[in-house]
């Protein structure tokens, strides 16, 4: 039986979006989702589904029925021979990764946090980093989708809508089950160290091509960066994880507890930020370790923030960072959060930010107690001047006219939406803006 919440308030993790649904339901099966959708569609009520609510946009907001998929959290089937698992859409990456490891499997690439549900991660185009690798959506080989009429569609690699089903924005229906193509479980050797920004940019092509996974964090108002290189190790290599003390010091205390305290202070003393960033960048020390892939990919993130991230052609990166530096240098605003830079290879998912293009990703962040509007608007102007495509779950102000030019299959996606949801049962103001 479907569980119901008495509360009628929803807010995302970043406190940047909220809504007041008429009811909140916790279905445990596809059949319960079908029942809820049919009832809502019959009364003209909107329906939206959320997982961890970790998107910074209002993509999951609704004044209709909100489906929380937290009870749909099981692995349903494992095909060891093909390395495939079928999961319920609400299972979180945090719960899925160790379950895959127990089966000798892993996802080939991950982002740097793991509270997201599988459906939420793939529906918004969540990605990690790796010059020859892709986002999580390319691991999808099958999607179960409940449409606005309550029909249950099974979309696999041979289906005409497969390219649209792997990043849906929640616009085509409710994703209830997903089949993932995994790889054999693997260890990563992590090498993390400070490096000056001019050196990073002088070597960026080499660093991207020479590592399985490469990314860096640039501290605004400085030339300091933190560089991360993660590479697979030869078979037989033993795990050498970070010590418990070093993990507590680096990943919990410095990166979260202390960073939260610093941001609370500089939110009121913004003139201190350049000096604080310089100290933070200088305080970094190198470390190396070997661990299960997901333990290397994922870092704890307890400091609340807002984020905007855009994908751009790789050759645009030097220009984008130079223009951001010029904006900082002009004295517009002091920014305490590092800027994150990552890379992925081109893919064939219709609304993936990596569609048909090798990308760099540049992400800007603002502490949640500080106003992000001016900073993100300036960054968006820079990003869009270089053919930027925003991450669907991160803050931007672009509309359908822009995306029709940015994605060659955009009109095809909208046509499928028109066919599956002509009454816009699954729409909300965000989707009306980005899809028309």
Protein backbone atom coordinates (compact mmCIF):
# COMPACT_ATOMS: atom_id res chain seq x y z
CA UNK A 1 0.00 0.00 0.00
CA UNK A 2 1.22 3.49 -0.83
CA UNK A 3 2.37 5.52 2.15
CA UNK A 4 1.23 9.14 2.39
CA UNK A 5 2.85 12.16 4.05
CA UNK A 6 0.61 14.54 5.93
CA UNK A 7 3.09 17.38 5.24
CA UNK A 8 2.50 19.35 2.05
CA UNK A 9 5.81 21.15 1.84
CA UNK A 10 8.81 20.24 -0.32
CA UNK A 11 12.23 21.89 -0.39
CA UNK A 12 15.38 20.83 -2.17
CA UNK A 13 18.74 20.17 -0.49
CA UNK A 14 20.24 23.50 -1.56
CA UNK A 15 17.25 25.49 -0.24
CA UNK A 16 16.97 27.10 -3.69
CA UNK A 17 13.55 25.66 -4.64
CA UNK A 18 10.37 24.77 -2.81
CA UNK A 19 6.73 23.94 -3.50
CA UNK A 20 3.50 22.92 -1.79
CA UNK A 21 2.17 19.68 -3.28
CA UNK A 22 -1.41 18.70 -2.55
CA UNK A 23 -0.08 15.40 -1.23
CA UNK A 24 3.15 13.46 -0.99
CA UNK A 25 3.08 9.72 -1.74
CA UNK A 26 5.72 7.04 -1.17
CA UNK A 27 4.97 4.23 -3.65
CA UNK A 28 6.83 0.95 -3.21
CA UNK A 29 6.19 -0.55 -6.65
CA UNK A 30 5.51 0.25 -10.27
CA UNK A 31 1.89 -0.85 -9.79
CA UNK A 32 1.42 1.76 -7.06
CA UNK A 33 2.93 4.44 -9.32
CA UNK A 34 0.50 3.45 -12.07
CA UNK A 35 -2.45 3.76 -9.69
CA UNK A 36 -1.37 7.21 -8.48
CA UNK A 37 -0.81 8.53 -12.00
CA UNK A 38 -4.16 7.30 -13.29
CA UNK A 39 -5.98 8.86 -10.36
CA UNK A 40 -4.13 12.17 -10.76
CA UNK A 41 -4.56 12.32 -14.54
CA UNK A 42 -8.30 11.68 -14.21
CA UNK A 43 -8.63 14.76 -11.99
CA UNK A 44 -6.22 16.92 -14.00
CA UNK A 45 -3.64 16.94 -11.19
CA UNK A 46 0.07 17.25 -11.94
CA UNK A 47 2.54 14.57 -10.83
CA UNK A 48 6.28 14.84 -10.18
CA UNK A 49 8.77 12.40 -8.73
CA UNK A 50 11.84 13.19 -6.61
CA UNK A 51 14.65 11.14 -5.16
CA UNK A 52 17.12 12.90 -2.87
CA UNK A 53 15.99 16.39 -3.98
CA UNK A 54 19.62 17.23 -4.72
CA UNK A 55 18.92 19.21 -7.90
CA UNK A 56 19.42 22.94 -7.40
CA UNK A 57 16.72 23.86 -9.92
CA UNK A 58 12.96 23.51 -9.41
CA UNK A 59 12.89 20.49 -11.74
CA UNK A 60 11.10 18.43 -9.05
CA UNK A 61 8.73 21.10 -7.77
CA UNK A 62 4.97 20.60 -8.06
CA UNK A 63 1.70 21.85 -6.63
CA UNK A 64 0.17 18.50 -7.53
CA UNK A 65 1.10 15.01 -6.30
CA UNK A 66 4.74 14.54 -5.32
CA UNK A 67 6.10 11.01 -5.52
CA UNK A 68 9.00 10.27 -3.20
CA UNK A 69 10.66 7.13 -4.51
CA UNK A 70 12.54 6.27 -1.29
CA UNK A 71 10.59 3.00 -0.83
CA UNK A 72 11.51 1.86 -4.37
CA UNK A 73 15.05 1.01 -3.37
CA UNK A 74 15.80 -2.60 -4.28
CA UNK A 75 18.01 -4.43 -6.76
CA UNK A 76 15.52 -6.55 -8.69
CA UNK A 77 17.79 -8.73 -10.82
CA UNK A 78 21.47 -9.34 -11.52
CA UNK A 79 22.85 -10.77 -14.77
CA UNK A 80 26.41 -11.61 -13.79
CA UNK A 81 27.34 -12.90 -17.24
CA UNK A 82 26.47 -9.58 -18.91
CA UNK A 83 27.35 -7.42 -15.93
CA UNK A 84 23.87 -5.92 -15.75
CA UNK A 85 21.60 -5.09 -12.82
CA UNK A 86 17.96 -4.04 -12.81
CA UNK A 87 17.09 -1.67 -9.95
CA UNK A 88 14.13 0.25 -8.68
CA UNK A 89 14.48 3.90 -9.58
CA UNK A 90 14.58 5.21 -6.02
CA UNK A 91 17.68 3.34 -4.89
CA UNK A 92 20.43 5.81 -4.02
CA UNK A 93 23.93 5.63 -5.41
CA UNK A 94 25.11 5.53 -1.80
CA UNK A 95 23.21 2.28 -1.23
CA UNK A 96 23.76 0.85 -4.71
CA UNK A 97 27.56 1.08 -4.90
CA UNK A 98 28.39 -1.36 -2.05
CA UNK A 99 25.66 -3.73 -3.28
CA UNK A 100 27.31 -3.76 -6.70
CA UNK A 101 30.70 -4.40 -5.13
CA UNK A 102 29.27 -7.42 -3.30
CA UNK A 103 28.32 -8.74 -6.75
CA UNK A 104 31.78 -8.00 -8.17
CA UNK A 105 30.47 -5.05 -10.18
CA UNK A 106 30.76 -1.26 -10.33
CA UNK A 107 29.61 1.70 -12.38
CA UNK A 108 32.33 2.84 -14.76
CA UNK A 109 32.14 6.47 -13.68
CA UNK A 110 30.53 8.46 -10.87
CA UNK A 111 30.20 12.02 -9.69
CA UNK A 112 31.67 13.26 -6.42
CA UNK A 113 28.57 12.80 -4.25
CA UNK A 114 26.24 9.83 -3.86
CA UNK A 115 22.95 10.70 -2.09
CA UNK A 116 21.09 10.96 -5.42
CA UNK A 117 18.61 8.32 -6.50
CA UNK A 118 19.48 6.45 -9.67
CA UNK A 119 16.47 7.94 -11.47
CA UNK A 120 17.33 11.46 -10.34
CA UNK A 121 20.98 11.09 -11.30
CA UNK A 122 20.29 9.82 -14.80
CA UNK A 123 17.26 12.02 -15.49
CA UNK A 124 19.31 15.19 -14.96
CA UNK A 125 22.50 14.02 -16.69
CA UNK A 126 24.74 13.54 -13.65
CA UNK A 127 28.34 12.92 -14.68
CA UNK A 128 31.79 12.43 -13.23
CA UNK A 129 35.07 13.11 -14.96
CA UNK A 130 37.23 11.22 -17.45
CA UNK A 131 38.41 12.36 -20.85
CA UNK A 132 37.49 9.02 -22.44
CA UNK A 133 34.44 8.36 -20.25
CA UNK A 134 30.83 9.50 -19.98
CA UNK A 135 28.10 10.36 -17.51
CA UNK A 136 26.02 7.77 -15.65
CA UNK A 137 23.25 7.89 -18.27
CA UNK A 138 25.37 6.03 -20.81
CA UNK A 139 25.35 3.04 -18.43
CA UNK A 140 21.60 2.67 -18.95
CA UNK A 141 20.53 -0.19 -21.19
CA UNK A 142 16.88 -0.30 -20.17
CA UNK A 143 14.25 2.01 -18.67
CA UNK A 144 10.80 1.25 -17.33
CA UNK A 145 8.62 4.33 -17.75
CA UNK A 146 5.05 4.94 -16.58
CA UNK A 147 3.25 7.33 -18.93
CA UNK A 148 0.48 9.84 -18.27
CA UNK A 149 -2.16 7.21 -19.16
CA UNK A 150 -0.66 4.73 -16.70
CA UNK A 151 0.85 2.61 -19.45
CA UNK A 152 4.11 0.88 -18.49
CA UNK A 153 6.74 1.13 -21.24
CA UNK A 154 9.87 -1.00 -21.40
CA UNK A 155 12.47 0.93 -23.40
CA UNK A 156 15.64 -0.91 -24.34
CA UNK A 157 18.54 -0.35 -26.74
CA UNK A 158 16.44 -1.32 -29.76
CA UNK A 159 13.57 1.04 -28.93
CA UNK A 160 13.17 4.17 -31.07
CA UNK A 161 12.98 6.32 -27.94
CA UNK A 162 16.07 4.89 -26.26
CA UNK A 163 18.14 8.04 -26.88
CA UNK A 164 15.47 10.14 -25.19
CA UNK A 165 14.87 7.80 -22.25
CA UNK A 166 18.30 8.08 -20.62
CA UNK A 167 17.99 11.80 -19.75
CA UNK A 168 14.28 12.57 -19.51
CA UNK A 169 14.17 15.57 -17.11
CA UNK A 170 11.09 13.82 -15.72
CA UNK A 171 9.14 15.14 -18.72
CA UNK A 172 8.17 11.87 -20.43
CA UNK A 173 6.78 9.99 -17.43
CA UNK A 174 7.88 8.47 -14.15
CA UNK A 175 10.98 6.28 -14.37
CA UNK A 176 10.30 3.32 -12.08
CA UNK A 177 13.00 0.79 -12.95
CA UNK A 178 16.41 1.05 -14.64
CA UNK A 179 18.76 -1.58 -16.06
CA UNK A 180 22.41 -0.59 -15.74
CA UNK A 181 25.39 -1.89 -17.64
CA UNK A 182 28.17 -2.30 -15.09
CA UNK A 183 31.85 -3.18 -15.30
CA UNK A 184 33.86 -5.55 -13.12
CA UNK A 185 34.61 -3.97 -9.73
CA UNK A 186 37.91 -2.09 -9.77
CA UNK A 187 40.32 -0.21 -7.57
CA UNK A 188 41.56 3.31 -8.23
CA UNK A 189 44.88 4.85 -7.33
CA UNK A 190 44.14 8.40 -6.20
CA UNK A 191 46.75 11.13 -6.36
CA UNK A 192 45.72 14.51 -4.95
CA UNK A 193 48.01 17.52 -4.73
CA UNK A 194 48.22 21.30 -5.06
CA UNK A 195 49.31 22.75 -8.40
CA UNK A 196 49.52 26.32 -9.67
CA UNK A 197 46.80 27.26 -12.16
CA UNK A 198 49.26 28.30 -14.92
CA UNK A 199 50.89 24.86 -14.71
CA UNK A 200 47.52 23.10 -14.82
CA UNK A 201 46.44 25.03 -17.90
CA UNK A 202 49.82 24.52 -19.57
CA UNK A 203 49.49 20.76 -19.08
CA UNK A 204 45.71 20.33 -19.22
CA UNK A 205 45.61 18.27 -22.45
CA UNK A 206 48.31 15.96 -21.10
CA UNK A 207 46.58 15.63 -17.73
CA UNK A 208 43.20 14.80 -19.28
CA UNK A 209 44.63 12.32 -21.81
CA UNK A 210 47.10 10.74 -19.39
CA UNK A 211 44.67 9.85 -16.61
CA UNK A 212 41.50 7.80 -16.42
CA UNK A 213 39.87 10.54 -14.34
CA UNK A 214 41.20 14.07 -13.96
CA UNK A 215 39.70 17.15 -12.33
CA UNK A 216 40.82 20.24 -10.49
CA UNK A 217 39.50 22.89 -8.13
CA UNK A 218 40.59 26.50 -8.61
CA UNK A 219 40.46 28.91 -5.66
CA UNK A 220 39.09 32.26 -6.93
CA UNK A 221 41.27 35.36 -6.45
CA UNK A 222 44.38 33.12 -6.45
CA UNK A 223 46.42 30.97 -8.84
CA UNK A 224 46.10 27.98 -6.52
CA UNK A 225 44.38 24.72 -7.45
CA UNK A 226 43.86 21.25 -6.01
CA UNK A 227 44.40 18.55 -8.64
CA UNK A 228 42.91 15.04 -8.56
CA UNK A 229 44.15 12.17 -10.72
CA UNK A 230 42.44 8.77 -10.38
CA UNK A 231 43.66 5.74 -12.33
CA UNK A 232 42.89 2.03 -12.45
CA UNK A 233 45.55 -0.22 -10.98
CA UNK A 234 46.97 -3.54 -12.20
CA UNK A 235 45.15 -6.68 -11.14
CA UNK A 236 46.44 -7.93 -7.83
CA UNK A 237 47.09 -4.47 -6.37
CA UNK A 238 46.08 -4.28 -2.73
CA UNK A 239 43.79 -1.64 -1.24
CA UNK A 240 45.62 1.10 0.64
CA UNK A 241 42.76 3.37 1.75
CA UNK A 242 43.21 6.70 3.47
CA UNK A 243 43.82 6.22 7.18
CA UNK A 244 40.89 6.90 9.46
CA UNK A 245 42.65 9.92 10.93
CA UNK A 246 43.58 11.42 7.55
CA UNK A 247 40.04 10.85 6.29
CA UNK A 248 38.64 12.63 9.34
CA UNK A 249 41.15 15.48 9.06
CA UNK A 250 40.98 16.09 5.29
CA UNK A 251 37.50 14.98 4.28
CA UNK A 252 35.41 15.65 7.34
CA UNK A 253 37.06 18.35 9.44
CA UNK A 254 38.89 20.56 6.90
CA UNK A 255 36.60 20.07 3.89
CA UNK A 256 33.34 20.24 5.83
CA UNK A 257 33.41 21.30 9.49
CA UNK A 258 36.11 23.98 9.14
CA UNK A 259 34.91 25.02 5.68
CA UNK A 260 31.38 25.55 7.03
CA UNK A 261 32.74 27.73 9.83
CA UNK A 262 34.87 29.79 7.44
CA UNK A 263 31.92 30.36 5.11
CA UNK A 264 29.69 31.48 7.97
CA UNK A 265 32.31 34.11 8.83
CA UNK A 266 33.13 35.34 5.33
CA UNK A 267 29.44 35.52 4.43
CA UNK A 268 29.51 38.61 6.68
CA UNK A 269 33.13 39.64 6.00
CA UNK A 270 33.43 39.20 2.26
CA UNK A 271 36.55 41.38 2.03
CA UNK A 272 38.41 38.59 3.85
CA UNK A 273 37.71 36.01 1.13
CA UNK A 274 40.79 36.49 -1.13
CA UNK A 275 43.13 36.08 1.83
CA UNK A 276 41.17 33.10 3.17
CA UNK A 277 41.29 31.42 -0.26
CA UNK A 278 45.04 31.96 -0.45
CA UNK A 279 45.48 30.36 2.97
CA UNK A 280 43.17 27.45 2.08
CA UNK A 281 45.02 26.81 -1.18
CA UNK A 282 48.39 26.90 0.60
CA UNK A 283 47.21 24.59 3.37
CA UNK A 284 46.59 21.71 0.99
CA UNK A 285 48.94 18.75 1.20
CA UNK A 286 49.45 15.90 -1.24
CA UNK A 287 48.13 12.42 -0.59
CA UNK A 288 47.90 9.09 -2.43
CA UNK A 289 45.81 6.02 -1.71
CA UNK A 290 44.18 3.00 -3.39
CA UNK A 291 40.58 2.09 -2.73
CA UNK A 292 37.39 0.71 -4.25
CA UNK A 293 36.32 2.94 -7.11
CA UNK A 294 33.27 4.48 -5.46
CA UNK A 295 35.23 5.32 -2.31
CA UNK A 296 37.64 7.32 -4.47
CA UNK A 297 35.01 9.02 -6.61
CA UNK A 298 32.73 10.09 -3.77
CA UNK A 299 33.57 12.71 -1.13
CA UNK A 300 31.46 13.74 1.86
CA UNK A 301 29.71 17.07 1.27
CA UNK A 302 27.89 18.47 4.30
CA UNK A 303 28.37 22.20 3.67
CA UNK A 304 25.17 23.43 2.03
CA UNK A 305 25.57 25.46 -1.16
CA UNK A 306 23.99 26.38 -4.50
CA UNK A 307 25.60 25.43 -7.81
CA UNK A 308 25.59 26.27 -11.51
CA UNK A 309 27.53 24.11 -13.94
CA UNK A 310 27.93 24.27 -17.72
CA UNK A 311 29.51 21.95 -20.27
CA UNK A 312 31.57 23.58 -23.02
CA UNK A 313 33.85 22.38 -25.83
CA UNK A 314 37.21 21.52 -24.28
CA UNK A 315 39.07 24.12 -26.31
CA UNK A 316 37.00 26.84 -24.61
CA UNK A 317 38.40 26.16 -21.14
CA UNK A 318 41.35 28.63 -21.15
CA UNK A 319 39.06 31.42 -22.36
CA UNK A 320 36.32 30.61 -19.83
CA UNK A 321 38.69 30.62 -16.85
CA UNK A 322 40.42 33.79 -18.04
CA UNK A 323 37.07 35.56 -18.32
CA UNK A 324 36.04 34.41 -14.85
CA UNK A 325 39.38 35.65 -13.49
CA UNK A 326 38.80 39.00 -15.18
CA UNK A 327 35.36 39.25 -13.56
CA UNK A 328 36.87 38.55 -10.15
CA UNK A 329 39.67 41.00 -10.86
CA UNK A 330 37.20 43.75 -11.71
CA UNK A 331 36.02 43.64 -8.09
CA UNK A 332 32.42 42.56 -8.76
CA UNK A 333 32.28 40.03 -5.92
CA UNK A 334 34.51 37.92 -3.68
CA UNK A 335 33.82 34.19 -3.96
CA UNK A 336 34.83 31.68 -1.29
CA UNK A 337 33.96 28.38 -2.98
CA UNK A 338 36.48 26.76 -5.34
CA UNK A 339 35.54 26.40 -9.01
CA UNK A 340 35.38 22.77 -10.11
CA UNK A 341 36.61 21.71 -13.57
CA UNK A 342 35.95 18.26 -15.06
CA UNK A 343 35.98 16.51 -18.46
CA UNK A 344 33.98 13.86 -20.33
CA UNK A 345 33.83 12.34 -23.81
CA UNK A 346 31.05 12.77 -26.37
CA UNK A 347 27.99 10.52 -26.07
CA UNK A 348 24.77 9.80 -28.01
CA UNK A 349 22.16 10.57 -25.32
CA UNK A 350 19.81 13.18 -26.79
CA UNK A 351 19.68 15.64 -23.90
CA UNK A 352 22.99 14.77 -22.28
CA UNK A 353 25.32 17.75 -21.92
CA UNK A 354 27.87 15.49 -23.62
CA UNK A 355 25.71 14.89 -26.70
CA UNK A 356 28.03 14.63 -29.73
CA UNK A 357 30.77 16.69 -28.05
CA UNK A 358 33.86 16.22 -25.87
CA UNK A 359 33.41 18.65 -22.99
CA UNK A 360 34.99 20.49 -20.15
CA UNK A 361 32.66 21.25 -17.25
CA UNK A 362 33.02 24.36 -15.13
CA UNK A 363 30.98 24.53 -11.93
CA UNK A 364 30.53 27.63 -9.78
CA UNK A 365 29.20 27.49 -6.22
CA UNK A 366 27.92 29.90 -3.62
CA UNK A 367 27.40 29.26 0.09
CA UNK A 368 23.68 28.85 0.72
CA UNK A 369 23.48 31.84 3.07
CA UNK A 370 24.91 34.15 0.37
CA UNK A 371 23.10 35.55 -2.67
CA UNK A 372 24.18 33.68 -5.80
CA UNK A 373 22.25 35.69 -8.42
CA UNK A 374 24.89 38.15 -9.68
CA UNK A 375 27.74 35.63 -9.69
CA UNK A 376 25.80 32.90 -11.47
CA UNK A 377 24.39 35.37 -14.02
CA UNK A 378 27.89 36.62 -14.87
CA UNK A 379 29.18 33.05 -15.11
CA UNK A 380 26.25 32.04 -17.32
CA UNK A 381 27.02 34.92 -19.71
CA UNK A 382 30.58 33.64 -19.99
CA UNK A 383 29.52 30.03 -20.42
CA UNK A 384 26.87 30.67 -23.05
CA UNK A 385 29.33 32.79 -25.07
CA UNK A 386 31.23 29.51 -25.45
CA UNK A 387 28.30 27.25 -26.43
CA UNK A 388 27.65 26.22 -22.83
CA UNK A 389 25.02 23.64 -21.96
CA UNK A 390 23.82 23.79 -18.34
CA UNK A 391 23.53 20.74 -16.16
CA UNK A 392 19.77 20.16 -15.96
CA UNK A 393 19.80 19.92 -12.18
CA UNK A 394 21.91 23.03 -11.56
CA UNK A 395 20.94 26.68 -11.61
CA UNK A 396 20.52 28.53 -14.90
CA UNK A 397 17.97 30.85 -16.52
CA UNK A 398 17.92 29.55 -20.11
CA UNK A 399 14.84 28.56 -22.09
CA UNK A 400 13.67 26.34 -24.92
CA UNK A 401 14.86 28.64 -27.71
CA UNK A 402 18.43 28.30 -26.47
CA UNK A 403 18.24 24.52 -26.09
CA UNK A 404 16.72 24.05 -29.54
CA UNK A 405 19.99 25.44 -30.90
CA UNK A 406 22.23 23.63 -28.40
CA UNK A 407 20.90 20.09 -28.97
CA UNK A 408 20.44 18.53 -32.42
CA UNK A 409 17.75 16.11 -31.13
CA UNK A 410 15.88 18.66 -29.00
CA UNK A 411 12.87 18.83 -31.33
CA UNK A 412 12.73 15.03 -31.47
CA UNK A 413 12.63 14.89 -27.67
CA UNK A 414 9.84 17.47 -27.51
CA UNK A 415 7.87 15.48 -30.11
CA UNK A 416 8.02 12.38 -27.90
CA UNK A 417 6.94 14.48 -24.93
CA UNK A 418 3.98 15.76 -26.93
CA UNK A 419 3.00 12.20 -27.78
CA UNK A 420 3.42 10.75 -24.28
CA UNK A 421 2.14 13.67 -22.21
CA UNK A 422 -0.05 15.99 -24.30
CA UNK A 423 -1.93 17.19 -21.21
CA UNK A 424 1.37 17.95 -19.42
CA UNK A 425 0.63 15.78 -16.39
CA UNK A 426 4.36 15.72 -15.61
CA UNK A 427 5.11 19.37 -16.27
CA UNK A 428 5.94 22.26 -13.98
CA UNK A 429 7.22 25.82 -14.57
CA UNK A 430 10.85 24.64 -14.94
CA UNK A 431 9.97 22.17 -17.69
CA UNK A 432 7.66 24.68 -19.36
CA UNK A 433 10.66 27.01 -19.53
CA UNK A 434 13.34 24.60 -20.77
CA UNK A 435 11.14 22.54 -23.12
CA UNK A 436 8.52 25.06 -24.17
